Amino acid sequence: MMQAKKLLPPFLLGLFLLLLWQLACIVFKIPQYLLPTPLEITQEIIRNFTTLIYDTVLTCIEAVLGFIIANILALSLAVCMVYVRNLDKAVMPIAIALKTTPIVAMAPLLLLWFGTGIAPKVMAAALICFFPALVNSIKGFSALQENEEDLFRIYNASKTQILQKLRFFRASPFIFSALRISSSLAIVGAIIGEFVGANRGIGYVILVSSYHLETVRMFAALVMVAGAGVVFYSVISFFDRRIINWVQTPSDEIRLESPPKVITPGERT
């Protein structure tokens, strides 16, 4: 019931915007090649659903593989930075350089290096996901409260135990925040890789549709991409809520016990 109440406002807002879109296209007589109506887009999705869902699934596979590779590498590198002094000073300039280089400019190189198969799309998705995952992981592993690590050392905890039971505990909210960001970026990276060189995938559908001015088909592909992004983000958020199971108690929910009653000598029996 609570989940349904949360979904109701965005559903109603989305429905209102779709109706406004439909009415605007009819009232102002906007040509279909400029802006198709939601009804026309829905009809296009129904007519070519099998093809669109196949291309969407292919793009999602590329995005998920890149997402997994990027987050595993970023998490492993962040762990190394915790224990290897000055490693962050060597790695962060390279990571920032990769981040500031447009993925569109690197996509042709990936196509040249890895061929025309699935590999360049996976690498494009991984590159665009890597930097947010790395930065958030480093910040999370460093988010220790005062003297927490010293307390673990007093009890003779090993570095592995400190990493597993303390640093990962503190870093989990930051890591899942990076995962939510990367879930959307991964699909963007895969689509950019498909723009450069592909014969299937939702990015290929968008590119070919734009060449032939098939605006309705292009919008249908965009709707499929948006839906895939929402599903991917929702899956990560679901695991976030299940795994991150500690919540700080709000100050207005704190209940103080009443002080013990002081019995005076006269009240003793």
C-alpha atoms as a PDB file:
ATOM      1  CA  MET A   1       0.000   0.000   0.000  1.00  0.00           C
ATOM      2  CA  MET A   2       2.797   2.434   0.880  1.00  0.00           C
ATOM      3  CA  GLN A   3       4.619   1.584  -2.358  1.00  0.00           C
ATOM      4  CA  ALA A   4       1.456   2.269  -4.363  1.00  0.00           C
ATOM      5  CA  LYS A   5       1.072   5.670  -2.692  1.00  0.00           C
ATOM      6  CA  LYS A   6       4.659   6.541  -3.654  1.00  0.00           C
ATOM      7  CA  LEU A   7       4.069   5.569  -7.287  1.00  0.00           C
ATOM      8  CA  LEU A   8       0.770   7.446  -7.608  1.00  0.00           C
ATOM      9  CA  PRO A   9       2.151  11.039  -7.870  1.00  0.00           C
ATOM     10  CA  PRO A  10       4.688  10.298 -10.664  1.00  0.00           C
ATOM     11  CA  PHE A  11       2.070   8.201 -12.485  1.00  0.00           C
ATOM     12  CA  LEU A  12      -0.486  11.010 -12.387  1.00  0.00           C
ATOM     13  CA  LEU A  13       2.104  13.598 -13.445  1.00  0.00           C
ATOM     14  CA  GLY A  14       3.262  11.398 -16.328  1.00  0.00           C
ATOM     15  CA  LEU A  15      -0.329  10.818 -17.453  1.00  0.00           C
ATOM     16  CA  PHE A  16      -1.040  14.574 -17.343  1.00  0.00           C
ATOM     17  CA  LEU A  17       2.077  15.348 -19.423  1.00  0.00           C
ATOM     18  CA  LEU A  18       1.143  12.698 -21.997  1.00  0.00           C
ATOM     19  CA  LEU A  19      -2.361  14.122 -22.344  1.00  0.00           C
ATOM     20  CA  LEU A  20      -0.922  17.628 -22.680  1.00  0.00           C
ATOM     21  CA  TRP A  21       1.501  16.349 -25.327  1.00  0.00           C
ATOM     22  CA  GLN A  22      -1.336  14.648 -27.261  1.00  0.00           C
ATOM     23  CA  LEU A  23      -3.539  17.749 -27.146  1.00  0.00           C
ATOM     24  CA  ALA A  24      -0.688  20.068 -28.166  1.00  0.00           C
ATOM     25  CA  CYS A  25       0.078  17.975 -31.253  1.00  0.00           C
ATOM     26  CA  ILE A  26      -3.607  18.010 -32.257  1.00  0.00           C
ATOM     27  CA  VAL A  27      -4.353  21.673 -31.507  1.00  0.00           C
ATOM     28  CA  PHE A  28      -1.192  23.087 -33.098  1.00  0.00           C
ATOM     29  CA  LYS A  29      -1.204  20.505 -35.927  1.00  0.00           C
ATOM     30  CA  ILE A  30       2.431  19.558 -35.394  1.00  0.00           C
ATOM     31  CA  PRO A  31       3.673  17.349 -38.245  1.00  0.00           C
ATOM     32  CA  GLN A  32       4.427  13.742 -37.385  1.00  0.00           C
ATOM     33  CA  TYR A  33       8.027  13.994 -38.611  1.00  0.00           C
ATOM     34  CA  LEU A  34       8.648  16.775 -36.079  1.00  0.00           C
ATOM     35  CA  LEU A  35       6.805  15.450 -33.035  1.00  0.00           C
ATOM     36  CA  PRO A  36       4.598  12.343 -33.124  1.00  0.00           C
ATOM     37  CA  THR A  37       1.795  11.960 -30.619  1.00  0.00           C
ATOM     38  CA  PRO A  38       2.018   9.510 -27.704  1.00  0.00           C
ATOM     39  CA  LEU A  39      -0.729   7.451 -29.372  1.00  0.00           C
ATOM     40  CA  GLU A  40       1.309   7.087 -32.570  1.00  0.00           C
ATOM     41  CA  ILE A  41       4.389   6.129 -30.577  1.00  0.00           C
ATOM     42  CA  THR A  42       2.410   3.506 -28.667  1.00  0.00           C
ATOM     43  CA  GLN A  43       1.081   2.061 -31.919  1.00  0.00           C
ATOM     44  CA  GLU A  44       4.631   1.865 -33.309  1.00  0.00           C
ATOM     45  CA  ILE A  45       5.831   0.018 -30.206  1.00  0.00           C
ATOM     46  CA  ILE A  46       2.961  -2.477 -30.496  1.00  0.00           C
ATOM     47  CA  ARG A  47       3.575  -3.072 -34.222  1.00  0.00           C
ATOM     48  CA  ASN A  48       7.343  -3.651 -33.821  1.00  0.00           C
ATOM     49  CA  PHE A  49       7.452  -4.853 -30.243  1.00  0.00           C
ATOM     50  CA  THR A  50       9.437  -8.031 -30.957  1.00  0.00           C
ATOM     51  CA  THR A  51      12.179  -6.190 -32.840  1.00  0.00           C
ATOM     52  CA  LEU A  52      12.330  -3.335 -30.347  1.00  0.00           C
ATOM     53  CA  ILE A  53      12.470  -5.613 -27.316  1.00  0.00           C
ATOM     54  CA  TYR A  54      15.255  -7.671 -28.918  1.00  0.00           C
ATOM     55  CA  ASP A  55      17.354  -4.577 -29.615  1.00  0.00           C
ATOM     56  CA  THR A  56      16.652  -3.216 -26.133  1.00  0.00           C
ATOM     57  CA  VAL A  57      17.700  -6.473 -24.462  1.00  0.00           C
ATOM     58  CA  LEU A  58      20.912  -6.522 -26.523  1.00  0.00           C
ATOM     59  CA  THR A  59      21.757  -2.978 -25.426  1.00  0.00           C
ATOM     60  CA  CYS A  60      20.934  -3.839 -21.809  1.00  0.00           C
ATOM     61  CA  ILE A  61      23.281  -6.846 -21.918  1.00  0.00           C
ATOM     62  CA  GLU A  62      26.095  -4.586 -23.115  1.00  0.00           C
ATOM     63  CA  ALA A  63      25.260  -2.036 -20.419  1.00  0.00           C
ATOM     64  CA  VAL A  64      25.108  -4.617 -17.617  1.00  0.00           C
ATOM     65  CA  LEU A  65      28.444  -6.172 -18.610  1.00  0.00           C
ATOM     66  CA  GLY A  66      30.106  -2.751 -18.714  1.00  0.00           C
ATOM     67  CA  PHE A  67      28.448  -1.832 -15.416  1.00  0.00           C
ATOM     68  CA  ILE A  68      29.798  -4.981 -13.709  1.00  0.00           C
ATOM     69  CA  ILE A  69      33.323  -4.596 -15.113  1.00  0.00           C
ATOM     70  CA  ALA A  70      33.553  -0.908 -14.174  1.00  0.00           C
ATOM     71  CA  ASN A  71      32.319  -1.354 -10.611  1.00  0.00           C
ATOM     72  CA  ILE A  72      34.516  -4.390  -9.914  1.00  0.00           C
ATOM     73  CA  LEU A  73      37.611  -2.549 -11.163  1.00  0.00           C
ATOM     74  CA  ALA A  74      36.702   0.657  -9.313  1.00  0.00           C
ATOM     75  CA  LEU A  75      36.011  -1.166  -6.049  1.00  0.00           C
ATOM     76  CA  SER A  76      39.235  -3.170  -6.269  1.00  0.00           C
ATOM     77  CA  LEU A  77      41.255  -0.045  -7.042  1.00  0.00           C
ATOM     78  CA  ALA A  78      39.635   1.840  -4.161  1.00  0.00           C
ATOM     79  CA  VAL A  79      40.593  -0.984  -1.769  1.00  0.00           C
ATOM     80  CA  CYS A  80      44.189  -0.807  -3.009  1.00  0.00           C
ATOM     81  CA  MET A  81      44.228   2.951  -2.460  1.00  0.00           C
ATOM     82  CA  VAL A  82      43.252   2.426   1.178  1.00  0.00           C
ATOM     83  CA  TYR A  83      46.343   0.324   1.886  1.00  0.00           C
ATOM     84  CA  VAL A  84      48.907   1.600  -0.634  1.00  0.00           C
ATOM     85  CA  ARG A  85      50.185   5.004   0.320  1.00  0.00           C
ATOM     86  CA  ASN A  86      50.174   7.698  -2.421  1.00  0.00           C
ATOM     87  CA  LEU A  87      48.508   5.359  -4.928  1.00  0.00           C
ATOM     88  CA  ASP A  88      45.568   7.752  -5.163  1.00  0.00           C
ATOM     89  CA  LYS A  89      47.931  10.557  -6.226  1.00  0.00           C
ATOM     90  CA  ALA A  90      49.085   8.416  -9.131  1.00  0.00           C
ATOM     91  CA  VAL A  91      45.697   7.038 -10.183  1.00  0.00           C
ATOM     92  CA  MET A  92      43.321   9.986  -9.758  1.00  0.00           C
ATOM     93  CA  PRO A  93      44.866  12.212 -12.484  1.00  0.00           C
ATOM     94  CA  ILE A  94      44.471   9.367 -14.971  1.00  0.00           C
ATOM     95  CA  ALA A  95      40.899   8.707 -13.829  1.00  0.00           C
ATOM     96  CA  ILE A  96      40.047  12.413 -14.135  1.00  0.00           C
ATOM     97  CA  ALA A  97      41.570  12.501 -17.628  1.00  0.00           C
ATOM     98  CA  LEU A  98      39.397   9.566 -18.662  1.00  0.00           C
ATOM     99  CA  LYS A  99      36.345  11.256 -17.162  1.00  0.00           C
ATOM    100  CA  THR A 100      36.897  14.583 -18.905  1.00  0.00           C
ATOM    101  CA  THR A 101      37.514  12.940 -22.298  1.00  0.00           C
ATOM    102  CA  PRO A 102      34.141  12.659 -24.086  1.00  0.00           C
ATOM    103  CA  ILE A 103      33.097   9.057 -24.572  1.00  0.00           C
ATOM    104  CA  VAL A 104      31.937  10.005 -28.074  1.00  0.00           C
ATOM    105  CA  ALA A 105      35.541  10.833 -28.953  1.00  0.00           C
ATOM    106  CA  MET A 106      36.830   7.540 -27.513  1.00  0.00           C
ATOM    107  CA  ALA A 107      34.183   5.316 -29.124  1.00  0.00           C
ATOM    108  CA  PRO A 108      35.904   5.203 -32.561  1.00  0.00           C
ATOM    109  CA  LEU A 109      39.133   4.105 -30.867  1.00  0.00           C
ATOM    110  CA  LEU A 110      37.292   1.355 -29.020  1.00  0.00           C
ATOM    111  CA  LEU A 111      35.828   0.230 -32.339  1.00  0.00           C
ATOM    112  CA  LEU A 112      39.310   0.169 -33.861  1.00  0.00           C
ATOM    113  CA  TRP A 113      40.834  -1.738 -30.948  1.00  0.00           C
ATOM    114  CA  PHE A 114      38.061  -4.242 -30.176  1.00  0.00           C
ATOM    115  CA  GLY A 115      36.315  -4.697 -33.520  1.00  0.00           C
ATOM    116  CA  THR A 116      32.639  -4.431 -34.391  1.00  0.00           C
ATOM    117  CA  GLY A 117      31.269  -6.986 -31.923  1.00  0.00           C
ATOM    118  CA  ILE A 118      29.889  -6.500 -28.438  1.00  0.00           C
ATOM    119  CA  ALA A 119      33.277  -5.657 -26.859  1.00  0.00           C
ATOM    120  CA  PRO A 120      33.520  -1.934 -27.812  1.00  0.00           C
ATOM    121  CA  LYS A 121      29.983  -1.282 -26.513  1.00  0.00           C
ATOM    122  CA  VAL A 122      30.797  -3.015 -23.236  1.00  0.00           C
ATOM    123  CA  MET A 123      34.020  -1.023 -22.890  1.00  0.00           C
ATOM    124  CA  ALA A 124      32.210   2.250 -23.644  1.00  0.00           C
ATOM    125  CA  ALA A 125      29.682   1.464 -20.909  1.00  0.00           C
ATOM    126  CA  ALA A 126      32.502   0.529 -18.512  1.00  0.00           C
ATOM    127  CA  LEU A 127      34.450   3.721 -19.169  1.00  0.00           C
ATOM    128  CA  ILE A 128      31.491   5.984 -18.487  1.00  0.00           C
ATOM    129  CA  CYS A 129      30.657   4.109 -15.247  1.00  0.00           C
ATOM    130  CA  PHE A 130      34.190   3.833 -13.870  1.00  0.00           C
ATOM    131  CA  PHE A 131      34.819   7.319 -12.467  1.00  0.00           C
ATOM    132  CA  PRO A 132      31.641   7.713 -10.324  1.00  0.00           C
ATOM    133  CA  ALA A 133      32.175   4.233  -8.894  1.00  0.00           C
ATOM    134  CA  LEU A 134      35.818   4.958  -8.066  1.00  0.00           C
ATOM    135  CA  VAL A 135      35.217   8.333  -6.413  1.00  0.00           C
ATOM    136  CA  ASN A 136      32.300   7.122  -4.299  1.00  0.00           C
ATOM    137  CA  SER A 137      34.143   3.964  -3.233  1.00  0.00           C
ATOM    138  CA  ILE A 138      37.185   5.954  -2.111  1.00  0.00           C
ATOM    139  CA  LYS A 139      34.979   8.381  -0.201  1.00  0.00           C
ATOM    140  CA  GLY A 140      33.109   5.506   1.409  1.00  0.00           C
ATOM    141  CA  PHE A 141      36.203   3.631   2.544  1.00  0.00           C
ATOM    142  CA  SER A 142      37.483   6.830   4.124  1.00  0.00           C
ATOM    143  CA  ALA A 143      34.207   7.651   5.909  1.00  0.00           C
ATOM    144  CA  LEU A 144      35.221   6.195   9.257  1.00  0.00           C
ATOM    145  CA  GLN A 145      34.119   7.770  12.483  1.00  0.00           C
ATOM    146  CA  GLU A 146      36.704   8.923  14.968  1.00  0.00           C
ATOM    147  CA  ASN A 147      38.787   6.148  16.581  1.00  0.00           C
ATOM    148  CA  GLU A 148      36.778   3.317  14.964  1.00  0.00           C
ATOM    149  CA  GLU A 149      39.825   1.759  13.317  1.00  0.00           C
ATOM    150  CA  ASP A 150      41.852   2.159  16.525  1.00  0.00           C
ATOM    151  CA  LEU A 151      39.158   0.262  18.410  1.00  0.00           C
ATOM    152  CA  PHE A 152      39.395  -2.617  15.941  1.00  0.00           C
ATOM    153  CA  ARG A 153      43.175  -2.679  16.317  1.00  0.00           C
ATOM    154  CA  ILE A 154      42.875  -2.805  20.102  1.00  0.00           C
ATOM    155  CA  TYR A 155      40.971  -6.077  19.675  1.00  0.00           C
ATOM    156  CA  ASN A 156      43.716  -7.380  17.349  1.00  0.00           C
ATOM    157  CA  ALA A 157      41.563  -7.281  14.205  1.00  0.00           C
ATOM    158  CA  SER A 158      43.462  -8.034  11.022  1.00  0.00           C
ATOM    159  CA  LYS A 159      43.461  -5.745   7.979  1.00  0.00           C
ATOM    160  CA  THR A 160      41.063  -8.105   6.240  1.00  0.00           C
ATOM    161  CA  GLN A 161      38.651  -8.011   9.185  1.00  0.00           C
ATOM    162  CA  ILE A 162      38.841  -4.217   9.335  1.00  0.00           C
ATOM    163  CA  LEU A 163      38.114  -4.074   5.628  1.00  0.00           C
ATOM    164  CA  GLN A 164      35.189  -6.498   5.737  1.00  0.00           C
ATOM    165  CA  LYS A 165      33.532  -5.526   9.003  1.00  0.00           C
ATOM    166  CA  LEU A 166      34.287  -1.804   9.208  1.00  0.00           C
ATOM    167  CA  ARG A 167      35.253  -0.174   5.928  1.00  0.00           C
ATOM    168  CA  PHE A 168      32.734  -2.039   3.774  1.00  0.00           C
ATOM    169  CA  PHE A 169      30.082  -1.328   6.396  1.00  0.00           C
ATOM    170  CA  ARG A 170      30.768   2.416   6.243  1.00  0.00           C
ATOM    171  CA  ALA A 171      31.264   2.428   2.464  1.00  0.00           C
ATOM    172  CA  SER A 172      28.067   0.560   1.544  1.00  0.00           C
ATOM    173  CA  PRO A 173      25.814   3.654   1.247  1.00  0.00           C
ATOM    174  CA  PHE A 174      28.421   5.379  -0.930  1.00  0.00           C
ATOM    175  CA  ILE A 175      28.904   2.279  -3.101  1.00  0.00           C
ATOM    176  CA  PHE A 176      25.184   1.884  -3.708  1.00  0.00           C
ATOM    177  CA  SER A 177      24.913   5.578  -4.514  1.00  0.00           C
ATOM    178  CA  ALA A 178      27.559   5.029  -7.198  1.00  0.00           C
ATOM    179  CA  LEU A 179      25.720   1.952  -8.455  1.00  0.00           C
ATOM    180  CA  ARG A 180      22.515   3.947  -8.907  1.00  0.00           C
ATOM    181  CA  ILE A 181      24.364   6.609 -10.878  1.00  0.00           C
ATOM    182  CA  SER A 182      26.209   4.028 -12.971  1.00  0.00           C
ATOM    183  CA  SER A 183      23.037   2.105 -13.791  1.00  0.00           C
ATOM    184  CA  SER A 184      21.819   4.977 -15.967  1.00  0.00           C
ATOM    185  CA  LEU A 185      25.230   5.900 -17.353  1.00  0.00           C
ATOM    186  CA  ALA A 186      25.898   2.324 -18.467  1.00  0.00           C
ATOM    187  CA  ILE A 187      22.988   2.378 -20.918  1.00  0.00           C
ATOM    188  CA  VAL A 188      24.163   5.740 -22.258  1.00  0.00           C
ATOM    189  CA  GLY A 189      27.657   4.342 -22.832  1.00  0.00           C
ATOM    190  CA  ALA A 190      26.334   1.255 -24.617  1.00  0.00           C
ATOM    191  CA  ILE A 191      24.170   3.389 -26.913  1.00  0.00           C
ATOM    192  CA  ILE A 192      27.106   5.653 -27.770  1.00  0.00           C
ATOM    193  CA  GLY A 193      29.129   2.566 -28.664  1.00  0.00           C
ATOM    194  CA  GLU A 194      26.296   1.438 -30.943  1.00  0.00           C
ATOM    195  CA  PHE A 195      26.209   4.838 -32.634  1.00  0.00           C
ATOM    196  CA  VAL A 196      29.779   4.354 -33.837  1.00  0.00           C
ATOM    197  CA  GLY A 197      29.543   0.815 -35.157  1.00  0.00           C
ATOM    198  CA  ALA A 198      26.728  -1.708 -34.805  1.00  0.00           C
ATOM    199  CA  ASN A 199      24.122  -3.544 -36.834  1.00  0.00           C
ATOM    200  CA  ARG A 200      21.728  -4.252 -33.936  1.00  0.00           C
ATOM    201  CA  GLY A 201      20.843  -2.633 -30.634  1.00  0.00           C
ATOM    202  CA  ILE A 202      18.560   0.207 -29.659  1.00  0.00           C
ATOM    203  CA  GLY A 203      21.269   2.782 -30.395  1.00  0.00           C
ATOM    204  CA  TYR A 204      21.488   1.454 -33.954  1.00  0.00           C
ATOM    205  CA  VAL A 205      17.690   1.761 -34.278  1.00  0.00           C
ATOM    206  CA  ILE A 206      17.822   5.408 -33.130  1.00  0.00           C
ATOM    207  CA  LEU A 207      20.676   6.213 -35.530  1.00  0.00           C
ATOM    208  CA  VAL A 208      19.074   4.601 -38.592  1.00  0.00           C
ATOM    209  CA  SER A 209      15.678   6.146 -37.787  1.00  0.00           C
ATOM    210  CA  SER A 210      17.236   9.612 -37.641  1.00  0.00           C
ATOM    211  CA  TYR A 211      18.876   9.084 -41.049  1.00  0.00           C
ATOM    212  CA  HIS A 212      15.541   8.120 -42.650  1.00  0.00           C
ATOM    213  CA  LEU A 213      13.469  10.696 -40.704  1.00  0.00           C
ATOM    214  CA  GLU A 214      11.430   7.901 -39.133  1.00  0.00           C
ATOM    215  CA  THR A 215      10.595  10.032 -36.129  1.00  0.00           C
ATOM    216  CA  VAL A 216       7.897   7.749 -34.749  1.00  0.00           C
ATOM    217  CA  ARG A 217      10.269   4.767 -34.732  1.00  0.00           C
ATOM    218  CA  MET A 218      12.986   6.903 -33.134  1.00  0.00           C
ATOM    219  CA  PHE A 219      10.647   7.991 -30.343  1.00  0.00           C
ATOM    220  CA  ALA A 220       9.557   4.387 -29.846  1.00  0.00           C
ATOM    221  CA  ALA A 221      13.204   3.393 -29.400  1.00  0.00           C
ATOM    222  CA  LEU A 222      13.724   6.256 -26.953  1.00  0.00           C
ATOM    223  CA  VAL A 223      10.732   5.072 -24.924  1.00  0.00           C
ATOM    224  CA  MET A 224      12.240   1.570 -24.766  1.00  0.00           C
ATOM    225  CA  VAL A 225      15.578   3.005 -23.620  1.00  0.00           C
ATOM    226  CA  ALA A 226      13.889   5.107 -20.952  1.00  0.00           C
ATOM    227  CA  GLY A 227      11.968   2.091 -19.709  1.00  0.00           C
ATOM    228  CA  ALA A 228      15.129  -0.010 -19.573  1.00  0.00           C
ATOM    229  CA  GLY A 229      16.883   2.717 -17.590  1.00  0.00           C
ATOM    230  CA  VAL A 230      14.048   2.930 -15.080  1.00  0.00           C
ATOM    231  CA  VAL A 231      14.023  -0.861 -14.629  1.00  0.00           C
ATOM    232  CA  PHE A 232      17.820  -1.004 -14.169  1.00  0.00           C
ATOM    233  CA  TYR A 233      17.740   1.828 -11.626  1.00  0.00           C
ATOM    234  CA  SER A 234      14.826   0.222  -9.783  1.00  0.00           C
ATOM    235  CA  VAL A 235      16.661  -3.102  -9.485  1.00  0.00           C
ATOM    236  CA  ILE A 236      19.701  -1.394  -7.943  1.00  0.00           C
ATOM    237  CA  SER A 237      17.461   0.598  -5.592  1.00  0.00           C
ATOM    238  CA  PHE A 238      15.686  -2.613  -4.547  1.00  0.00           C
ATOM    239  CA  PHE A 239      18.971  -4.241  -3.487  1.00  0.00           C
ATOM    240  CA  ASP A 240      20.022  -0.972  -1.861  1.00  0.00           C
ATOM    241  CA  ARG A 241      16.964  -1.021   0.403  1.00  0.00           C
ATOM    242  CA  ARG A 242      17.437  -4.704   1.238  1.00  0.00           C
ATOM    243  CA  ILE A 243      21.172  -4.604   1.973  1.00  0.00           C
ATOM    244  CA  ILE A 244      21.504  -1.206   3.647  1.00  0.00           C
ATOM    245  CA  ASN A 245      19.374  -2.137   6.640  1.00  0.00           C
ATOM    246  CA  TRP A 246      20.517   0.380   9.194  1.00  0.00           C
ATOM    247  CA  VAL A 247      18.829   3.760   9.552  1.00  0.00           C
ATOM    248  CA  GLN A 248      19.703   6.566  11.891  1.00  0.00           C
ATOM    249  CA  THR A 249      16.875   7.303  14.317  1.00  0.00           C
ATOM    250  CA  PRO A 250      15.408  10.764  13.690  1.00  0.00           C
ATOM    251  CA  SER A 251      15.704  13.179  16.580  1.00  0.00           C
ATOM    252  CA  ASP A 252      11.939  13.572  16.832  1.00  0.00           C
ATOM    253  CA  GLU A 253      11.544   9.829  17.437  1.00  0.00           C
ATOM    254  CA  ILE A 254      13.952   9.689  20.346  1.00  0.00           C
ATOM    255  CA  ARG A 255      12.162   8.831  23.556  1.00  0.00           C
ATOM    256  CA  LEU A 256      13.928   9.647  26.800  1.00  0.00           C
ATOM    257  CA  GLU A 257      13.148   7.586  29.837  1.00  0.00           C
ATOM    258  CA  SER A 258      11.822   9.512  32.794  1.00  0.00           C
ATOM    259  CA  PRO A 259      14.432  10.033  35.548  1.00  0.00           C
ATOM    260  CA  PRO A 260      14.193   7.718  38.521  1.00  0.00           C
ATOM    261  CA  LYS A 261      12.146   9.028  41.422  1.00  0.00           C
ATOM    262  CA  VAL A 262      14.234  10.131  44.357  1.00  0.00           C
ATOM    263  CA  ILE A 263      12.846   8.831  47.628  1.00  0.00           C
ATOM    264  CA  THR A 264      13.420  11.163  50.547  1.00  0.00           C
ATOM    265  CA  PRO A 265      14.085   9.796  54.045  1.00  0.00           C
ATOM    266  CA  GLY A 266      10.581  10.874  55.110  1.00  0.00           C
ATOM    267  CA  GLU A 267       8.948   8.700  52.435  1.00  0.00           C
ATOM    268  CA  ARG A 268      10.703   5.495  53.506  1.00  0.00           C
ATOM    269  CA  THR A 269       8.651   2.980  55.318  1.00  0.00           C
END
